[in-house]
Amino acid sequence: MILRIGELTGPVVVGKYYLVPTVTGMWGYKVRAWPVIGARHNDTQCLKFEHQHYHIDGRFMAGDPDDAWLWRDVGSQPLMLGPDGKATDLPKPIWRRRKCRYLVSPHIAIVRPLAARSDRWQCHFDMWTGKQSRHDGRGWVCPHRSVPLADHPVVDGVVTCPLHLLRIEAATGRVLSPFEKAVPA
C-alpha cells in the first residue's frame, strides 16, 4: 500500500514510494509533472514575489546532492508556469507515485544561509519568529502557509519548513530565528 504524503505521522523514508502532489508545468525549461509541496500562493508580503506559484518538493527529485546550482534553483525558483508557458495556466495538483530520494530536500542547506543574509528574508523571519505553530495530531504545521510538517524530520531539535525556511522548535512548536538553537528536550 502506498501512502499519501499527507497521511504520514513521521518522516519520509528514503527509497520508499509515496503518493505525492504533482503539478504539470514548465520549470527549468522542461514541462513535466513536478512534485510540489503546499498550496499555490504568492509571497507579496516581505518577499515581494507577486506571481502565483508552487514550491518544488526536492525530496522527490533526482539530482546530485552536491549540485549547488540545482538545489539553489529548487529553493529559489518556484514552479509558476503552466504547461503552455503561461503564468495563468498552473493546474491543480494530481497525486502521483514518486520515490523519496532525500530525507530533507538538499535546497534547505544551500538556500537557508543565503536567505538569512537577505533583507527581504529577514523581514519574513522577523515577522514569524516567536509565533506558535499548531499541532494537527500528526505533527507541527507551519504557521506561515499551513504546511503540515509531520513528514519532515527533526534535526537538532528543529523541523524546517521547506517552503519559506521557517524553523520550528520540535519540543514547543515555537518558530525560531534563523540561527537560534532549539532548547534541549
N, C-alpha and C. Protein backbone atom coordinates (compact mmCIF):
# COMPACT_ATOMS: atom_id res chain seq x y z
N MET A 1 0.86 -1.19 0.00
CA MET A 1 0.00 0.00 0.00
C MET A 1 0.90 1.25 0.00
N ILE A 2 0.62 2.16 -0.89
CA ILE A 2 1.39 3.39 -0.99
C ILE A 2 0.63 4.49 -0.25
N LEU A 3 1.30 5.13 0.70
CA LEU A 3 0.68 6.19 1.48
C LEU A 3 0.81 7.54 0.80
N ARG A 4 -0.19 8.37 1.01
CA ARG A 4 -0.10 9.77 0.59
C ARG A 4 0.79 10.49 1.59
N ILE A 5 1.56 11.43 1.10
CA ILE A 5 2.43 12.23 1.96
C ILE A 5 1.62 12.83 3.11
N GLY A 6 0.44 13.31 2.84
CA GLY A 6 -0.39 13.95 3.86
C GLY A 6 -0.91 13.03 4.94
N GLU A 7 -0.70 11.71 4.81
CA GLU A 7 -1.17 10.75 5.80
C GLU A 7 -0.07 10.32 6.77
N LEU A 8 1.16 10.72 6.52
CA LEU A 8 2.27 10.25 7.33
C LEU A 8 2.25 10.86 8.73
N THR A 9 2.70 10.07 9.69
CA THR A 9 2.82 10.55 11.07
C THR A 9 4.28 10.65 11.49
N GLY A 10 5.16 10.43 10.54
CA GLY A 10 6.60 10.54 10.80
C GLY A 10 7.31 10.86 9.49
N PRO A 11 8.61 11.06 9.57
CA PRO A 11 9.36 11.46 8.37
C PRO A 11 9.30 10.43 7.25
N VAL A 12 9.48 10.90 6.03
CA VAL A 12 9.55 10.03 4.86
C VAL A 12 10.74 9.09 5.02
N VAL A 13 10.73 8.01 4.26
CA VAL A 13 11.82 7.05 4.25
C VAL A 13 12.44 7.08 2.86
N VAL A 14 13.74 7.35 2.80
CA VAL A 14 14.44 7.40 1.52
C VAL A 14 14.36 6.02 0.85
N GLY A 15 14.04 6.03 -0.45
CA GLY A 15 13.93 4.79 -1.22
C GLY A 15 12.51 4.25 -1.29
N LYS A 16 11.62 4.75 -0.46
CA LYS A 16 10.23 4.29 -0.45
C LYS A 16 9.39 5.15 -1.40
N TYR A 17 8.33 4.56 -1.93
CA TYR A 17 7.42 5.28 -2.82
C TYR A 17 6.24 5.83 -2.03
N TYR A 18 5.81 7.03 -2.41
CA TYR A 18 4.67 7.70 -1.80
C TYR A 18 3.81 8.31 -2.89
N LEU A 19 2.56 8.60 -2.56
CA LEU A 19 1.73 9.41 -3.44
C LEU A 19 2.01 10.86 -3.07
N VAL A 20 2.44 11.63 -4.06
CA VAL A 20 2.91 12.99 -3.85
C VAL A 20 2.13 13.92 -4.78
N PRO A 21 1.72 15.10 -4.32
CA PRO A 21 1.06 16.03 -5.23
C PRO A 21 2.06 16.50 -6.29
N THR A 22 1.62 16.47 -7.53
CA THR A 22 2.46 16.95 -8.64
C THR A 22 1.66 17.95 -9.46
N VAL A 23 2.37 18.89 -10.05
CA VAL A 23 1.74 19.87 -10.93
C VAL A 23 2.51 19.85 -12.25
N THR A 24 1.77 19.70 -13.33
CA THR A 24 2.40 19.72 -14.65
C THR A 24 2.60 21.17 -15.05
N GLY A 25 3.85 21.51 -15.27
CA GLY A 25 4.19 22.87 -15.64
C GLY A 25 5.61 22.95 -16.15
N MET A 26 6.03 24.16 -16.52
CA MET A 26 7.37 24.37 -17.03
C MET A 26 8.26 24.89 -15.90
N TRP A 27 9.33 24.17 -15.68
CA TRP A 27 10.34 24.58 -14.69
C TRP A 27 11.69 24.15 -15.26
N GLY A 28 12.65 25.07 -15.26
CA GLY A 28 13.96 24.76 -15.81
C GLY A 28 13.88 24.38 -17.29
N TYR A 29 12.98 25.00 -18.02
CA TYR A 29 12.79 24.77 -19.45
C TYR A 29 12.26 23.39 -19.79
N LYS A 30 11.73 22.68 -18.79
CA LYS A 30 11.17 21.36 -19.02
C LYS A 30 9.73 21.34 -18.54
N VAL A 31 8.85 20.75 -19.35
CA VAL A 31 7.46 20.56 -18.95
C VAL A 31 7.32 19.12 -18.49
N ARG A 32 6.89 18.96 -17.26
CA ARG A 32 6.64 17.63 -16.71
C ARG A 32 5.81 17.78 -15.44
N ALA A 33 5.45 16.67 -14.86
CA ALA A 33 4.72 16.69 -13.58
C ALA A 33 5.75 16.79 -12.47
N TRP A 34 5.84 17.96 -11.85
CA TRP A 34 6.82 18.23 -10.80
C TRP A 34 6.23 17.95 -9.43
N PRO A 35 7.00 17.33 -8.51
CA PRO A 35 6.49 17.14 -7.15
C PRO A 35 6.44 18.50 -6.45
N VAL A 36 5.32 18.79 -5.81
CA VAL A 36 5.17 20.09 -5.15
C VAL A 36 4.78 19.89 -3.69
N ILE A 37 4.97 20.95 -2.93
CA ILE A 37 4.60 20.93 -1.53
C ILE A 37 3.87 22.24 -1.22
N GLY A 38 2.78 22.12 -0.52
CA GLY A 38 2.00 23.31 -0.18
C GLY A 38 1.04 23.71 -1.29
N ALA A 39 0.19 24.65 -0.97
CA ALA A 39 -0.81 25.15 -1.92
C ALA A 39 -0.21 26.22 -2.83
N ARG A 40 -0.89 26.48 -3.93
CA ARG A 40 -0.48 27.57 -4.81
C ARG A 40 -0.69 28.88 -4.06
N HIS A 41 0.26 29.79 -4.17
CA HIS A 41 0.19 31.05 -3.43
C HIS A 41 1.12 32.08 -4.06
N ASN A 42 1.09 33.27 -3.53
CA ASN A 42 2.11 34.28 -3.86
C ASN A 42 2.73 34.73 -2.54
N ASP A 43 3.83 35.44 -2.64
CA ASP A 43 4.53 35.91 -1.45
C ASP A 43 4.77 37.41 -1.54
N THR A 44 3.69 38.17 -1.53
CA THR A 44 3.82 39.62 -1.70
C THR A 44 4.37 40.31 -0.46
N GLN A 45 4.02 39.82 0.71
CA GLN A 45 4.48 40.46 1.93
C GLN A 45 5.94 40.07 2.19
N CYS A 46 6.77 41.03 2.44
CA CYS A 46 8.21 40.87 2.72
C CYS A 46 8.99 40.34 1.52
N LEU A 47 8.64 39.14 1.03
CA LEU A 47 9.43 38.53 -0.04
C LEU A 47 9.18 39.19 -1.39
N LYS A 48 8.11 39.95 -1.51
CA LYS A 48 7.80 40.76 -2.71
C LYS A 48 7.73 39.92 -3.99
N PHE A 49 7.17 38.73 -3.90
CA PHE A 49 7.04 37.85 -5.07
C PHE A 49 5.56 37.69 -5.35
N GLU A 50 5.06 38.43 -6.35
CA GLU A 50 3.61 38.52 -6.58
C GLU A 50 3.03 37.41 -7.43
N HIS A 51 3.86 36.64 -8.11
CA HIS A 51 3.36 35.60 -9.02
C HIS A 51 2.82 34.39 -8.25
N GLN A 52 1.70 33.87 -8.71
CA GLN A 52 1.17 32.64 -8.15
C GLN A 52 2.14 31.51 -8.48
N HIS A 53 2.41 30.64 -7.51
CA HIS A 53 3.39 29.59 -7.74
C HIS A 53 3.20 28.44 -6.76
N TYR A 54 3.88 27.35 -7.08
CA TYR A 54 4.02 26.21 -6.19
C TYR A 54 5.50 26.06 -5.87
N HIS A 55 5.81 25.41 -4.76
CA HIS A 55 7.19 25.10 -4.42
C HIS A 55 7.47 23.64 -4.77
N ILE A 56 8.62 23.41 -5.36
CA ILE A 56 9.05 22.06 -5.72
C ILE A 56 9.45 21.31 -4.44
N ASP A 57 9.02 20.07 -4.33
CA ASP A 57 9.41 19.23 -3.20
C ASP A 57 10.66 18.44 -3.60
N GLY A 58 11.81 18.96 -3.24
CA GLY A 58 13.08 18.39 -3.64
C GLY A 58 13.35 16.99 -3.12
N ARG A 59 12.59 16.56 -2.13
CA ARG A 59 12.79 15.20 -1.61
C ARG A 59 12.47 14.14 -2.66
N PHE A 60 11.68 14.51 -3.66
CA PHE A 60 11.24 13.56 -4.68
C PHE A 60 11.83 13.86 -6.06
N MET A 61 12.92 14.59 -6.08
CA MET A 61 13.60 14.92 -7.35
C MET A 61 14.93 14.18 -7.44
N ALA A 62 15.23 13.73 -8.64
CA ALA A 62 16.56 13.15 -8.87
C ALA A 62 17.55 14.30 -9.00
N GLY A 63 18.76 14.06 -8.62
CA GLY A 63 19.79 15.07 -8.76
C GLY A 63 20.92 14.84 -7.78
N ASP A 64 22.10 15.22 -8.18
CA ASP A 64 23.29 15.08 -7.34
C ASP A 64 23.12 15.97 -6.11
N PRO A 65 23.23 15.43 -4.91
CA PRO A 65 23.05 16.26 -3.72
C PRO A 65 24.10 17.35 -3.59
N ASP A 66 25.20 17.24 -4.32
CA ASP A 66 26.26 18.26 -4.28
C ASP A 66 26.11 19.30 -5.39
N ASP A 67 25.07 19.20 -6.20
CA ASP A 67 24.86 20.15 -7.29
C ASP A 67 24.20 21.42 -6.73
N ALA A 68 25.03 22.33 -6.24
CA ALA A 68 24.53 23.53 -5.57
C ALA A 68 23.63 24.36 -6.46
N TRP A 69 23.90 24.41 -7.76
CA TRP A 69 23.07 25.22 -8.67
C TRP A 69 21.66 24.64 -8.78
N LEU A 70 21.56 23.33 -8.91
CA LEU A 70 20.24 22.70 -8.99
C LEU A 70 19.42 23.00 -7.74
N TRP A 71 20.01 22.78 -6.57
CA TRP A 71 19.26 22.93 -5.34
C TRP A 71 19.00 24.40 -5.00
N ARG A 72 19.87 25.29 -5.42
CA ARG A 72 19.59 26.72 -5.26
C ARG A 72 18.35 27.07 -6.06
N ASP A 73 18.27 26.53 -7.29
CA ASP A 73 17.10 26.77 -8.13
C ASP A 73 15.82 26.17 -7.53
N VAL A 74 15.93 24.95 -7.00
CA VAL A 74 14.76 24.33 -6.37
C VAL A 74 14.23 25.22 -5.24
N GLY A 75 15.14 25.80 -4.47
CA GLY A 75 14.72 26.62 -3.34
C GLY A 75 14.36 28.05 -3.66
N SER A 76 14.79 28.55 -4.82
CA SER A 76 14.56 29.97 -5.09
C SER A 76 13.78 30.24 -6.38
N GLN A 77 13.52 29.22 -7.17
CA GLN A 77 12.75 29.41 -8.40
C GLN A 77 11.53 28.49 -8.37
N PRO A 78 10.43 28.98 -7.83
CA PRO A 78 9.24 28.13 -7.73
C PRO A 78 8.63 27.84 -9.10
N LEU A 79 7.75 26.86 -9.13
CA LEU A 79 7.02 26.50 -10.34
C LEU A 79 5.90 27.51 -10.53
N MET A 80 6.02 28.33 -11.59
CA MET A 80 5.00 29.36 -11.79
C MET A 80 4.48 29.42 -13.22
N LEU A 81 4.92 28.50 -14.08
CA LEU A 81 4.43 28.46 -15.45
C LEU A 81 3.74 27.14 -15.73
N GLY A 82 2.58 27.22 -16.35
CA GLY A 82 1.85 26.01 -16.71
C GLY A 82 2.48 25.33 -17.90
N PRO A 83 1.87 24.26 -18.38
CA PRO A 83 2.43 23.51 -19.50
C PRO A 83 2.57 24.33 -20.78
N ASP A 84 1.77 25.39 -20.92
CA ASP A 84 1.87 26.25 -22.10
C ASP A 84 2.81 27.42 -21.90
N GLY A 85 3.52 27.44 -20.77
CA GLY A 85 4.46 28.52 -20.50
C GLY A 85 3.81 29.80 -20.03
N LYS A 86 2.56 29.73 -19.60
CA LYS A 86 1.85 30.91 -19.12
C LYS A 86 1.66 30.84 -17.61
N ALA A 87 1.85 31.95 -16.96
CA ALA A 87 1.72 32.00 -15.51
C ALA A 87 0.29 31.75 -15.06
N THR A 88 -0.67 31.97 -15.92
CA THR A 88 -2.08 31.81 -15.55
C THR A 88 -2.57 30.38 -15.78
N ASP A 89 -1.68 29.49 -16.21
CA ASP A 89 -2.08 28.16 -16.64
C ASP A 89 -1.65 27.05 -15.68
N LEU A 90 -1.41 27.38 -14.42
CA LEU A 90 -0.99 26.34 -13.48
C LEU A 90 -2.18 25.49 -13.06
N PRO A 91 -2.14 24.20 -13.35
CA PRO A 91 -3.25 23.33 -12.96
C PRO A 91 -3.18 22.96 -11.48
N LYS A 92 -4.24 22.32 -11.02
CA LYS A 92 -4.27 21.82 -9.65
C LYS A 92 -3.38 20.58 -9.56
N PRO A 93 -2.88 20.30 -8.36
CA PRO A 93 -2.03 19.11 -8.19
C PRO A 93 -2.78 17.81 -8.44
N ILE A 94 -2.05 16.82 -8.95
CA ILE A 94 -2.53 15.46 -9.13
C ILE A 94 -1.60 14.55 -8.33
N TRP A 95 -2.16 13.62 -7.59
CA TRP A 95 -1.36 12.70 -6.78
C TRP A 95 -0.74 11.65 -7.68
N ARG A 96 0.60 11.52 -7.59
CA ARG A 96 1.33 10.53 -8.39
C ARG A 96 2.33 9.79 -7.51
N ARG A 97 2.65 8.60 -7.94
CA ARG A 97 3.63 7.76 -7.23
C ARG A 97 5.03 8.32 -7.51
N ARG A 98 5.75 8.61 -6.41
CA ARG A 98 7.11 9.16 -6.54
C ARG A 98 8.01 8.50 -5.50
N LYS A 99 9.24 8.29 -5.88
CA LYS A 99 10.24 7.70 -4.99
C LYS A 99 10.89 8.81 -4.17
N CYS A 100 10.97 8.60 -2.86
CA CYS A 100 11.65 9.55 -2.00
C CYS A 100 13.16 9.37 -2.17
N ARG A 101 13.84 10.44 -2.51
CA ARG A 101 15.28 10.39 -2.76
C ARG A 101 16.10 11.02 -1.62
N TYR A 102 15.46 11.89 -0.86
CA TYR A 102 16.16 12.59 0.22
C TYR A 102 15.24 12.71 1.42
N LEU A 103 15.80 12.58 2.61
CA LEU A 103 15.03 12.79 3.83
C LEU A 103 14.64 14.26 3.97
N VAL A 104 15.58 15.13 3.63
CA VAL A 104 15.37 16.58 3.63
C VAL A 104 15.82 17.09 2.27
N SER A 105 15.04 17.95 1.66
CA SER A 105 15.44 18.50 0.37
C SER A 105 16.80 19.18 0.49
N PRO A 106 17.75 18.85 -0.39
CA PRO A 106 19.08 19.47 -0.32
C PRO A 106 19.06 20.99 -0.46
N HIS A 107 17.98 21.55 -0.98
CA HIS A 107 17.95 23.00 -1.14
C HIS A 107 17.99 23.75 0.19
N ILE A 108 17.50 23.12 1.25
CA ILE A 108 17.44 23.82 2.54
C ILE A 108 18.83 24.22 3.02
N ALA A 109 19.78 23.30 2.93
CA ALA A 109 21.14 23.60 3.40
C ALA A 109 21.82 24.66 2.54
N ILE A 110 21.43 24.76 1.28
CA ILE A 110 22.07 25.72 0.37
C ILE A 110 21.40 27.09 0.44
N VAL A 111 20.08 27.12 0.47
CA VAL A 111 19.35 28.39 0.38
C VAL A 111 19.21 29.08 1.74
N ARG A 112 19.08 28.33 2.83
CA ARG A 112 18.85 28.95 4.14
C ARG A 112 19.94 29.94 4.53
N PRO A 113 21.23 29.62 4.38
CA PRO A 113 22.25 30.62 4.74
C PRO A 113 22.21 31.87 3.86
N LEU A 114 21.85 31.70 2.60
CA LEU A 114 21.73 32.85 1.69
C LEU A 114 20.54 33.72 2.10
N ALA A 115 19.42 33.07 2.40
CA ALA A 115 18.21 33.80 2.78
C ALA A 115 18.42 34.57 4.08
N ALA A 116 19.17 34.00 5.00
CA ALA A 116 19.38 34.64 6.30
C ALA A 116 20.13 35.97 6.18
N ARG A 117 20.78 36.19 5.04
CA ARG A 117 21.52 37.45 4.83
C ARG A 117 20.76 38.44 3.94
N SER A 118 19.56 38.09 3.53
CA SER A 118 18.77 38.92 2.63
C SER A 118 17.78 39.78 3.43
N ASP A 119 17.65 41.05 3.05
CA ASP A 119 16.71 41.94 3.75
C ASP A 119 15.27 41.44 3.64
N ARG A 120 14.87 41.00 2.46
CA ARG A 120 13.50 40.50 2.28
C ARG A 120 13.24 39.29 3.17
N TRP A 121 14.19 38.38 3.17
CA TRP A 121 14.03 37.20 4.00
C TRP A 121 14.08 37.57 5.47
N GLN A 122 14.91 38.52 5.84
CA GLN A 122 14.99 38.93 7.24
C GLN A 122 13.65 39.48 7.70
N CYS A 123 12.99 40.25 6.85
CA CYS A 123 11.64 40.75 7.15
C CYS A 123 10.71 39.57 7.40
N HIS A 124 10.78 38.56 6.55
CA HIS A 124 9.94 37.36 6.68
C HIS A 124 10.24 36.63 8.01
N PHE A 125 11.52 36.41 8.28
CA PHE A 125 11.89 35.73 9.52
C PHE A 125 11.45 36.53 10.75
N ASP A 126 11.66 37.85 10.71
CA ASP A 126 11.26 38.70 11.84
C ASP A 126 9.75 38.64 12.08
N MET A 127 8.99 38.56 10.99
CA MET A 127 7.53 38.53 11.09
C MET A 127 7.05 37.26 11.80
N TRP A 128 7.75 36.15 11.61
CA TRP A 128 7.27 34.88 12.13
C TRP A 128 7.99 34.38 13.37
N THR A 129 9.19 34.87 13.65
CA THR A 129 9.93 34.42 14.83
C THR A 129 9.11 34.65 16.09
N GLY A 130 9.04 33.61 16.92
CA GLY A 130 8.29 33.69 18.17
C GLY A 130 6.85 33.25 18.06
N LYS A 131 6.32 33.15 16.84
CA LYS A 131 4.93 32.72 16.66
C LYS A 131 4.81 31.24 17.02
N GLN A 132 3.62 30.84 17.35
CA GLN A 132 3.35 29.46 17.73
C GLN A 132 2.76 28.68 16.56
N SER A 133 3.31 27.52 16.30
CA SER A 133 2.74 26.60 15.31
C SER A 133 1.61 25.83 15.96
N ARG A 134 0.71 25.32 15.16
CA ARG A 134 -0.33 24.45 15.70
C ARG A 134 0.07 23.00 15.42
N HIS A 135 -0.47 22.10 16.19
CA HIS A 135 -0.21 20.67 16.04
C HIS A 135 -1.49 20.05 15.50
N ASP A 136 -1.38 19.27 14.42
CA ASP A 136 -2.59 18.70 13.80
C ASP A 136 -2.86 17.25 14.22
N GLY A 137 -2.19 16.80 15.29
CA GLY A 137 -2.37 15.43 15.75
C GLY A 137 -1.32 14.49 15.17
N ARG A 138 -0.70 14.87 14.06
CA ARG A 138 0.38 14.08 13.46
C ARG A 138 1.72 14.76 13.68
N GLY A 139 1.71 16.09 13.66
CA GLY A 139 2.94 16.86 13.80
C GLY A 139 2.65 18.33 13.69
N TRP A 140 3.70 19.14 13.72
CA TRP A 140 3.56 20.59 13.64
C TRP A 140 3.13 21.02 12.24
N VAL A 141 2.44 22.15 12.19
CA VAL A 141 2.01 22.75 10.94
C VAL A 141 2.62 24.14 10.88
N CYS A 142 3.31 24.46 9.79
CA CYS A 142 3.96 25.76 9.68
C CYS A 142 2.91 26.87 9.73
N PRO A 143 3.10 27.87 10.57
CA PRO A 143 2.09 28.93 10.70
C PRO A 143 2.02 29.86 9.48
N HIS A 144 3.03 29.87 8.64
CA HIS A 144 3.04 30.80 7.51
C HIS A 144 2.09 30.37 6.40
N ARG A 145 2.21 29.16 5.89
CA ARG A 145 1.37 28.67 4.79
C ARG A 145 0.64 27.38 5.13
N SER A 146 0.56 27.07 6.41
CA SER A 146 -0.17 25.88 6.90
C SER A 146 0.31 24.57 6.27
N VAL A 147 1.60 24.45 6.06
CA VAL A 147 2.17 23.22 5.51
C VAL A 147 2.35 22.22 6.66
N PRO A 148 1.73 21.03 6.56
CA PRO A 148 1.95 20.00 7.58
C PRO A 148 3.41 19.54 7.53
N LEU A 149 4.02 19.41 8.70
CA LEU A 149 5.44 19.06 8.76
C LEU A 149 5.68 17.69 9.39
N ALA A 150 4.64 16.87 9.56
CA ALA A 150 4.80 15.55 10.17
C ALA A 150 5.73 14.66 9.36
N ASP A 151 5.80 14.87 8.05
CA ASP A 151 6.63 14.02 7.20
C ASP A 151 8.05 14.56 7.02
N HIS A 152 8.41 15.54 7.83
CA HIS A 152 9.76 16.12 7.80
C HIS A 152 10.48 15.76 9.11
N PRO A 153 11.77 15.47 9.03
CA PRO A 153 12.49 15.03 10.23
C PRO A 153 12.82 16.17 11.18
N VAL A 154 13.05 15.80 12.41
CA VAL A 154 13.56 16.73 13.42
C VAL A 154 15.08 16.63 13.36
N VAL A 155 15.74 17.75 13.14
CA VAL A 155 17.20 17.81 13.08
C VAL A 155 17.66 18.82 14.13
N ASP A 156 18.44 18.36 15.09
CA ASP A 156 18.92 19.22 16.18
C ASP A 156 17.77 19.92 16.89
N GLY A 157 16.65 19.21 17.07
CA GLY A 157 15.51 19.76 17.80
C GLY A 157 14.63 20.69 16.98
N VAL A 158 14.85 20.74 15.65
CA VAL A 158 14.14 21.69 14.79
C VAL A 158 13.56 20.98 13.56
N VAL A 159 12.34 21.37 13.19
CA VAL A 159 11.75 20.96 11.92
C VAL A 159 11.77 22.21 11.04
N THR A 160 12.34 22.09 9.84
CA THR A 160 12.41 23.24 8.93
C THR A 160 11.36 23.10 7.85
N CYS A 161 10.54 24.12 7.68
CA CYS A 161 9.55 24.14 6.62
C CYS A 161 10.28 24.41 5.30
N PRO A 162 10.12 23.53 4.31
CA PRO A 162 10.84 23.70 3.06
C PRO A 162 10.31 24.84 2.19
N LEU A 163 9.12 25.33 2.45
CA LEU A 163 8.60 26.40 1.60
C LEU A 163 9.36 27.70 1.81
N HIS A 164 9.36 28.20 3.01
CA HIS A 164 9.94 29.52 3.27
C HIS A 164 10.91 29.49 4.43
N LEU A 165 11.44 28.28 4.72
CA LEU A 165 12.58 28.08 5.61
C LEU A 165 12.36 28.46 7.07
N LEU A 166 11.11 28.52 7.50
CA LEU A 166 10.88 28.77 8.92
C LEU A 166 11.30 27.54 9.71
N ARG A 167 11.94 27.77 10.84
CA ARG A 167 12.45 26.71 11.70
C ARG A 167 11.56 26.62 12.93
N ILE A 168 10.97 25.46 13.13
CA ILE A 168 10.03 25.26 14.23
C ILE A 168 10.66 24.34 15.27
N GLU A 169 10.68 24.81 16.50
CA GLU A 169 11.23 24.01 17.59
C GLU A 169 10.32 22.81 17.81
N ALA A 170 10.89 21.60 17.69
CA ALA A 170 10.09 20.38 17.77
C ALA A 170 9.43 20.17 19.13
N ALA A 171 10.07 20.60 20.20
CA ALA A 171 9.52 20.39 21.55
C ALA A 171 8.35 21.31 21.87
N THR A 172 8.34 22.52 21.28
CA THR A 172 7.33 23.51 21.68
C THR A 172 6.45 24.02 20.53
N GLY A 173 6.92 23.91 19.29
CA GLY A 173 6.18 24.45 18.15
C GLY A 173 6.45 25.93 17.90
N ARG A 174 7.34 26.52 18.68
CA ARG A 174 7.66 27.94 18.51
C ARG A 174 8.58 28.13 17.31
N VAL A 175 8.32 29.18 16.51
CA VAL A 175 9.17 29.50 15.37
C VAL A 175 10.43 30.18 15.89
N LEU A 176 11.57 29.63 15.49
CA LEU A 176 12.87 30.15 15.91
C LEU A 176 13.41 31.14 14.89
N SER A 177 14.31 32.00 15.33
CA SER A 177 15.01 32.87 14.39
C SER A 177 15.97 32.01 13.56
N PRO A 178 16.51 32.54 12.46
CA PRO A 178 17.32 31.71 11.56
C PRO A 178 18.48 30.96 12.21
N PHE A 179 19.12 31.52 13.23
CA PHE A 179 20.28 30.87 13.81
C PHE A 179 20.10 30.47 15.28
N GLU A 180 18.88 30.63 15.78
CA GLU A 180 18.60 30.28 17.17
C GLU A 180 18.62 28.76 17.34
N LYS A 181 19.19 28.29 18.43
CA LYS A 181 19.24 26.87 18.74
C LYS A 181 17.98 26.47 19.48
N ALA A 182 17.54 25.24 19.27
CA ALA A 182 16.38 24.71 19.98
C ALA A 182 16.78 24.41 21.43
N VAL A 183 15.82 24.55 22.32
CA VAL A 183 16.03 24.20 23.71
C VAL A 183 16.06 22.68 23.78
N PRO A 184 17.08 22.09 24.42
CA PRO A 184 17.14 20.62 24.51
C PRO A 184 15.89 20.08 25.20
N ALA A 185 15.37 19.01 24.65
CA ALA A 185 14.13 18.41 25.20
C ALA A 185 14.42 17.63 26.47
